[in-house]
Amino acid sequence: MRIVHVHRMRGIGGSERHLLTLLPALRALGVDARFVGLDDLDGWDPQPFYDELDRGEVPYVRLGSVREFPRALGNADVVHTHLVHADVLGALVRRDRLLVSTKHNDDPFRTGPFRFVERALMRRAARVICITEALRRFNVERVGLPAKKLVVVPYGLDEPPAAWGPNELDLPEGKLVVAVSRLVPQKGLDVAVEAMVGIDATLVALGEGPERERLESLARAGGVRLLLPGRVGDVAAILRRADLLVHPARWEGFGLALLEAMLCGLPVVATRVSSIPEIVVDGETGLLVPPDDPVALAAALRRVLEDPGDFGVQGLARARAEFAVAAMAERTLTVYEASLSEAR
């Protein structure tokens, strides 16, 4: 069975990291899993992603133009698309090719006029994979995709992210609150900065994005110790040094950073939105608070910093039991097999 996954390359976020885990796991099951990437060369170098594919011995084709797309698919049995640009390309492939799409997020723009485009695109798909139950409901109730096509396959992760280089960052003494996310409004880091006012700890936000200057301004105004080192070579080392992970997202498709923190035995304080309650069990592996509520977030941060209890131990156990890579790969393979069987 030859499966070609398609994704537009604009950075290494949750969907890209998911592919770096899923593709080698599928190949370990005997699937000829390959990757086709449409490189967006406007200000970002996708080479680190392809370096990881090389390390995982995953074949790939890098497209400089969409005109090259049909030839890059070769003799694929299934074309598996990720996010909107790939979905558009997937809808254009030959009718004799099976199409599968994965939905990775519940971005509000998908409930506006674009939902009609998405419904049209998904008519071609044999199956639509949703990475959480919350995302499945979102796609049925808010986007209007047919429930019979949707199946839930959660992300899987067995280990914290591997280091790709050293950290050129001197962490301060004392308590550390770490966030791992893009610096964008969706992730709610502005709420985290507001919540940190008066807390004797340093907030370290690992990621890049357009909110950098605004976050720095908020931190200066509130007297918050904030570090924004950008992309670092060894995320796991910083997670293991931290006292907790904060993830105050306004919406979230999955939140792979939550799993990474749990695999490092780190307590989590996050918002009770989208899929997050499926990953973080409130009062067991961390604490959940409403979104856009810096007062509630501050109280949760103080509580965990003062007494983390066994949140980290319970989180590690849950991550290993519920989100294994092998289970993710096997469930994905089952989707392919069922779809091909129906097509025959």
Protein backbone atom coordinates (compact mmCIF):
# COMPACT_ATOMS: atom_id res chain seq x y z
CA MET A 1 0.00 0.00 0.00
CA ARG A 2 1.45 3.35 -1.08
CA ILE A 3 0.23 6.43 0.79
CA VAL A 4 1.31 9.95 -0.16
CA HIS A 5 0.82 12.65 2.48
CA VAL A 6 0.56 16.25 1.26
CA HIS A 7 1.16 19.43 3.27
CA ARG A 8 2.08 23.05 2.58
CA MET A 9 5.29 23.88 4.44
CA ARG A 10 5.11 27.16 6.38
CA GLY A 11 6.76 26.22 9.68
CA ILE A 12 6.98 23.34 12.13
CA GLY A 13 3.81 23.36 14.20
CA GLY A 14 1.51 20.64 15.47
CA SER A 15 0.49 19.19 12.10
CA GLU A 16 4.09 19.07 10.87
CA ARG A 17 5.33 17.42 14.06
CA HIS A 18 2.45 14.95 13.78
CA LEU A 19 3.66 13.98 10.30
CA LEU A 20 7.22 13.53 11.54
CA THR A 21 5.87 10.98 14.01
CA LEU A 22 3.19 9.32 11.89
CA LEU A 23 5.12 8.71 8.65
CA PRO A 24 7.96 6.61 10.15
CA ALA A 25 5.41 4.72 12.27
CA LEU A 26 3.37 3.82 9.19
CA ARG A 27 6.50 2.64 7.40
CA ALA A 28 7.30 0.45 10.41
CA LEU A 29 3.91 -1.25 9.80
CA GLY A 30 4.92 -2.03 6.22
CA VAL A 31 3.12 0.90 4.58
CA ASP A 32 4.95 2.68 1.77
CA ALA A 33 4.30 6.13 3.31
CA ARG A 34 5.74 9.12 1.46
CA PHE A 35 5.53 12.90 1.66
CA VAL A 36 4.93 15.68 -0.85
CA GLY A 37 5.62 19.19 0.41
CA LEU A 38 4.68 22.47 -1.21
CA ASP A 39 7.40 24.76 0.08
CA ASP A 40 6.51 28.30 1.09
CA LEU A 41 9.86 30.04 0.84
CA ASP A 42 8.63 33.44 2.02
CA GLY A 43 10.75 34.04 5.12
CA TRP A 44 11.04 30.45 6.42
CA ASP A 45 13.45 27.65 5.60
CA PRO A 46 11.66 24.27 5.62
CA GLN A 47 14.95 22.34 5.53
CA PRO A 48 14.79 21.21 9.22
CA PHE A 49 11.54 19.38 8.48
CA TYR A 50 13.08 17.52 5.55
CA ASP A 51 16.17 16.74 7.63
CA GLU A 52 13.86 14.97 10.07
CA LEU A 53 12.24 13.02 7.24
CA ASP A 54 15.72 11.94 6.12
CA ARG A 55 16.50 10.73 9.64
CA GLY A 56 13.25 8.76 9.64
CA GLU A 57 14.04 7.33 6.15
CA VAL A 58 10.81 8.74 4.73
CA PRO A 59 10.91 9.42 0.94
CA TYR A 60 9.69 12.86 -0.11
CA VAL A 61 9.28 15.26 -2.99
CA ARG A 62 9.60 19.03 -2.58
CA LEU A 63 7.41 20.97 -4.97
CA GLY A 64 8.42 24.37 -6.27
CA SER A 65 5.13 24.70 -8.14
CA VAL A 66 1.67 23.12 -7.98
CA ARG A 67 2.11 22.13 -11.64
CA GLU A 68 4.49 19.42 -10.43
CA PHE A 69 1.90 17.93 -8.08
CA PRO A 70 0.25 15.24 -10.26
CA ARG A 71 3.58 13.68 -11.22
CA ALA A 72 4.83 13.77 -7.61
CA LEU A 73 2.00 11.45 -6.52
CA GLY A 74 3.39 8.56 -8.56
CA ASN A 75 1.23 5.43 -8.25
CA ALA A 76 -0.25 6.27 -4.85
CA ASP A 77 -3.16 4.16 -3.62
CA VAL A 78 -4.23 6.91 -1.19
CA VAL A 79 -3.56 10.65 -1.20
CA HIS A 80 -3.71 11.93 2.39
CA THR A 81 -3.99 15.73 2.70
CA HIS A 82 -3.40 18.00 5.68
CA LEU A 83 -4.88 21.53 6.03
CA VAL A 84 -6.59 23.68 3.45
CA HIS A 85 -3.92 24.16 0.76
CA ALA A 86 -3.34 20.42 0.52
CA ASP A 87 -7.10 19.78 0.58
CA VAL A 88 -7.50 22.01 -2.48
CA LEU A 89 -4.78 20.10 -4.32
CA GLY A 90 -6.24 16.79 -3.22
CA ALA A 91 -9.63 17.64 -4.66
CA LEU A 92 -7.96 17.97 -8.07
CA VAL A 93 -6.37 14.52 -8.20
CA ARG A 94 -7.65 11.82 -10.54
CA ARG A 95 -10.97 10.30 -9.56
CA ASP A 96 -9.46 6.82 -9.37
CA ARG A 97 -7.23 7.87 -6.46
CA LEU A 98 -8.61 7.50 -2.95
CA LEU A 99 -8.55 10.71 -0.90
CA VAL A 100 -8.25 11.03 2.90
CA SER A 101 -8.02 14.34 4.76
CA THR A 102 -6.98 15.11 8.33
CA LYS A 103 -8.51 18.08 10.17
CA HIS A 104 -6.05 19.49 12.68
CA ASN A 105 -7.76 22.53 14.19
CA ASP A 106 -11.02 24.30 14.97
CA ASP A 107 -10.00 27.70 13.68
CA PRO A 108 -13.03 30.05 13.73
CA PHE A 109 -12.52 31.02 10.08
CA ARG A 110 -13.70 27.52 9.17
CA THR A 111 -17.21 28.35 10.41
CA GLY A 112 -17.60 31.39 8.12
CA PRO A 113 -18.13 31.45 4.35
CA PHE A 114 -15.15 29.12 3.88
CA ARG A 115 -17.25 26.27 5.31
CA PHE A 116 -19.06 26.02 1.99
CA VAL A 117 -15.74 25.59 0.18
CA GLU A 118 -14.66 22.99 2.69
CA ARG A 119 -17.87 21.03 2.29
CA ALA A 120 -17.32 20.96 -1.47
CA LEU A 121 -13.71 19.85 -1.11
CA MET A 122 -14.61 17.04 1.28
CA ARG A 123 -17.11 15.50 -1.13
CA ARG A 124 -14.08 13.88 -2.78
CA ALA A 125 -12.74 12.43 0.48
CA ALA A 126 -13.46 8.83 1.41
CA ARG A 127 -12.67 9.56 5.06
CA VAL A 128 -11.96 12.65 7.14
CA ILE A 129 -9.75 12.07 10.18
CA CYS A 130 -10.26 14.34 13.20
CA ILE A 131 -7.54 14.37 15.83
CA THR A 132 -9.96 14.67 18.78
CA GLU A 133 -13.61 14.05 19.55
CA ALA A 134 -14.11 17.79 20.13
CA LEU A 135 -12.79 18.46 16.63
CA ARG A 136 -15.12 15.82 15.18
CA ARG A 137 -18.11 17.58 16.77
CA PHE A 138 -16.86 20.93 15.50
CA ASN A 139 -16.64 19.62 11.94
CA VAL A 140 -20.15 18.18 12.06
CA GLU A 141 -21.93 20.93 13.99
CA ARG A 142 -20.06 24.09 12.92
CA VAL A 143 -18.54 23.28 9.52
CA GLY A 144 -21.25 20.93 8.29
CA LEU A 145 -19.17 17.95 7.20
CA PRO A 146 -21.02 14.61 6.96
CA ALA A 147 -20.72 12.66 10.21
CA LYS A 148 -20.53 9.31 8.39
CA LYS A 149 -17.18 10.26 6.85
CA LEU A 150 -15.54 11.42 10.07
CA VAL A 151 -13.36 9.23 12.28
CA VAL A 152 -11.27 10.17 15.33
CA VAL A 153 -7.57 9.29 15.45
CA PRO A 154 -5.74 11.20 18.20
CA TYR A 155 -2.14 12.31 17.88
CA GLY A 156 0.42 9.94 19.32
CA LEU A 157 3.72 10.67 21.01
CA ASP A 158 6.04 8.31 22.89
CA GLU A 159 8.88 10.63 23.81
CA PRO A 160 9.45 14.36 24.29
CA PRO A 161 10.79 16.15 21.19
CA ALA A 162 14.33 15.13 20.29
CA ALA A 163 16.99 17.82 20.38
CA TRP A 164 18.16 19.11 17.02
CA GLY A 165 20.84 21.37 18.50
CA PRO A 166 22.10 22.97 21.71
CA ASN A 167 20.16 25.63 23.60
CA GLU A 168 21.84 29.02 23.43
CA LEU A 169 19.82 30.22 26.40
CA ASP A 170 20.79 30.86 30.01
CA LEU A 171 17.76 30.08 32.14
CA PRO A 172 17.40 32.12 35.33
CA GLU A 173 17.32 30.69 38.84
CA GLY A 174 13.97 30.24 40.55
CA LYS A 175 10.59 29.07 39.33
CA LEU A 176 10.00 28.67 35.58
CA VAL A 177 6.63 28.71 33.81
CA VAL A 178 7.05 27.53 30.21
CA ALA A 179 4.80 27.89 27.17
CA VAL A 180 5.51 26.12 23.87
CA SER A 181 3.53 27.71 21.06
CA ARG A 182 3.53 30.21 18.25
CA LEU A 183 3.28 33.82 19.39
CA VAL A 184 -0.18 34.39 17.92
CA PRO A 185 -3.50 35.52 19.43
CA GLN A 186 -4.96 31.98 19.30
CA LYS A 187 -2.50 30.77 21.94
CA GLY A 188 -3.51 33.36 24.55
CA LEU A 189 -0.01 34.20 25.73
CA ASP A 190 -1.15 37.76 26.41
CA VAL A 191 -3.43 36.30 29.09
CA ALA A 192 -0.48 34.35 30.51
CA VAL A 193 1.58 37.55 30.80
CA GLU A 194 -1.28 39.31 32.59
CA ALA A 195 -1.69 36.34 34.93
CA MET A 196 2.02 36.38 35.80
CA VAL A 197 1.86 39.87 37.32
CA GLY A 198 2.96 39.55 40.93
CA ILE A 199 4.03 35.90 40.62
CA ASP A 200 7.64 35.22 41.60
CA ALA A 201 8.54 33.19 38.52
CA THR A 202 9.84 33.65 34.98
CA LEU A 203 7.63 33.02 31.96
CA VAL A 204 9.55 31.41 29.07
CA ALA A 205 7.61 31.25 25.80
CA LEU A 206 9.24 29.05 23.16
CA GLY A 207 8.11 30.05 19.69
CA GLU A 208 8.01 32.77 17.07
CA GLY A 209 5.22 34.95 15.80
CA PRO A 210 3.77 38.41 15.29
CA GLU A 211 2.77 38.91 18.95
CA ARG A 212 6.37 39.27 20.18
CA GLU A 213 6.43 43.05 20.56
CA ARG A 214 2.99 43.15 22.18
CA LEU A 215 3.95 40.48 24.71
CA GLU A 216 7.17 42.27 25.56
CA SER A 217 5.23 45.51 26.08
CA LEU A 218 2.70 43.81 28.36
CA ALA A 219 5.51 42.24 30.38
CA ARG A 220 7.30 45.57 30.86
CA ALA A 221 4.05 47.26 31.94
CA GLY A 222 3.28 44.53 34.48
CA GLY A 223 6.80 43.93 35.76
CA VAL A 224 6.71 40.33 34.50
CA ARG A 225 9.94 38.44 33.90
CA LEU A 226 9.52 37.21 30.32
CA LEU A 227 11.92 35.36 28.03
CA LEU A 228 11.16 34.95 24.32
CA PRO A 229 14.08 32.93 22.94
CA GLY A 230 12.30 31.90 19.73
CA ARG A 231 12.97 28.44 18.37
CA VAL A 232 15.37 26.48 20.57
CA GLY A 233 17.37 23.34 19.84
CA ASP A 234 16.27 21.26 22.85
CA VAL A 235 12.70 21.91 24.02
CA ALA A 236 12.66 18.86 26.29
CA ALA A 237 15.63 20.15 28.31
CA ILE A 238 13.71 23.34 29.09
CA LEU A 239 10.54 21.43 29.92
CA ARG A 240 12.46 19.24 32.36
CA ARG A 241 13.89 22.35 34.04
CA ALA A 242 10.45 24.02 34.28
CA ASP A 243 7.95 23.88 37.13
CA LEU A 244 4.87 23.77 34.91
CA LEU A 245 3.59 24.24 31.37
CA VAL A 246 1.01 26.96 30.74
CA HIS A 247 -1.21 26.69 27.67
CA PRO A 248 -3.90 29.42 27.75
CA ALA A 249 -5.21 28.84 24.22
CA ARG A 250 -8.44 30.43 23.00
CA TRP A 251 -9.06 27.40 20.78
CA GLU A 252 -6.92 24.38 20.03
CA GLY A 253 -7.02 21.53 17.56
CA PHE A 254 -4.98 19.26 19.84
CA GLY A 255 -2.13 20.97 21.67
CA LEU A 256 0.87 18.70 21.09
CA ALA A 257 2.84 20.78 23.61
CA LEU A 258 0.54 19.37 26.29
CA LEU A 259 1.64 15.81 25.49
CA GLU A 260 5.30 16.86 25.33
CA ALA A 261 5.05 18.39 28.80
CA MET A 262 3.21 15.38 30.22
CA LEU A 263 5.91 13.06 28.84
CA CYS A 264 8.44 15.18 30.74
CA GLY A 265 6.46 14.68 33.96
CA LEU A 266 5.42 18.33 34.01
CA PRO A 267 2.14 19.63 35.52
CA VAL A 268 -0.07 21.53 33.08
CA VAL A 269 -2.23 24.62 33.55
CA ALA A 270 -4.40 25.20 30.48
CA THR A 271 -7.74 26.50 29.29
CA ARG A 272 -10.92 24.45 29.17
CA VAL A 273 -11.47 24.84 25.42
CA SER A 274 -11.78 22.62 22.34
CA SER A 275 -9.86 19.38 22.74
CA ILE A 276 -7.77 20.27 25.78
CA PRO A 277 -10.02 18.49 28.34
CA GLU A 278 -9.53 15.28 26.34
CA ILE A 279 -5.81 15.49 27.05
CA VAL A 280 -5.46 17.23 30.42
CA VAL A 281 -7.70 15.82 33.17
CA ASP A 282 -8.64 18.70 35.47
CA GLY A 283 -7.49 18.06 39.03
CA GLU A 284 -5.59 14.91 38.03
CA THR A 285 -2.86 15.82 35.51
CA GLY A 286 -3.16 19.60 35.89
CA LEU A 287 -5.67 22.40 36.20
CA LEU A 288 -8.07 23.83 33.61
CA VAL A 289 -9.46 27.37 33.65
CA PRO A 290 -11.76 29.41 31.41
CA PRO A 291 -10.17 31.20 28.43
CA ASP A 292 -9.41 34.93 28.57
CA ASP A 293 -9.51 34.92 32.38
CA PRO A 294 -6.16 36.10 33.78
CA VAL A 295 -7.47 36.05 37.36
CA ALA A 296 -8.45 32.38 37.19
CA LEU A 297 -5.22 31.56 35.35
CA ALA A 298 -3.14 33.36 37.99
CA ALA A 299 -4.85 31.43 40.78
CA ALA A 300 -4.17 28.10 39.03
CA LEU A 301 -0.53 29.02 38.40
CA ARG A 302 -0.01 29.96 42.03
CA ARG A 303 -1.64 26.76 43.25
CA VAL A 304 0.54 24.48 41.10
CA LEU A 305 3.73 26.44 41.77
CA GLU A 306 3.10 26.16 45.51
CA ASP A 307 2.05 22.49 45.47
CA PRO A 308 2.34 20.50 42.23
CA GLY A 309 1.28 17.30 44.00
CA ASP A 310 1.40 14.30 41.67
CA PHE A 311 0.08 16.12 38.59
CA GLY A 312 3.30 15.38 36.71
CA VAL A 313 3.35 11.68 37.62
CA GLN A 314 -0.29 11.24 36.64
CA GLY A 315 0.25 13.17 33.39
CA LEU A 316 3.15 10.95 32.37
CA ALA A 317 1.08 7.82 33.04
CA ARG A 318 -1.86 9.18 31.02
CA ALA A 319 0.31 10.21 28.06
CA ARG A 320 1.86 6.75 27.86
CA ALA A 321 -1.44 4.90 28.24
CA GLU A 322 -3.69 6.97 25.97
CA PHE A 323 -1.52 8.54 23.27
CA ALA A 324 0.93 5.92 22.01
CA VAL A 325 2.41 6.32 18.52
CA ALA A 326 1.75 2.66 17.65
CA ALA A 327 -1.96 3.07 18.37
CA MET A 328 -2.11 6.21 16.20
CA ALA A 329 -0.41 4.46 13.28
CA GLU A 330 -2.57 1.34 13.56
CA ARG A 331 -5.79 3.37 13.67
CA THR A 332 -4.67 5.37 10.64
CA LEU A 333 -3.86 2.18 8.74
CA THR A 334 -7.34 0.87 9.58
CA VAL A 335 -8.83 4.01 7.99
CA TYR A 336 -6.88 3.35 4.78
CA GLU A 337 -7.81 -0.33 4.67
CA ALA A 338 -11.52 0.32 5.28
CA SER A 339 -11.62 3.06 2.66
CA LEU A 340 -9.87 0.95 0.04
CA SER A 341 -12.12 -1.99 0.78
CA GLU A 342 -15.22 0.15 0.27
CA ALA A 343 -13.83 1.59 -2.95
CA ARG A 344 -13.29 -1.89 -4.36
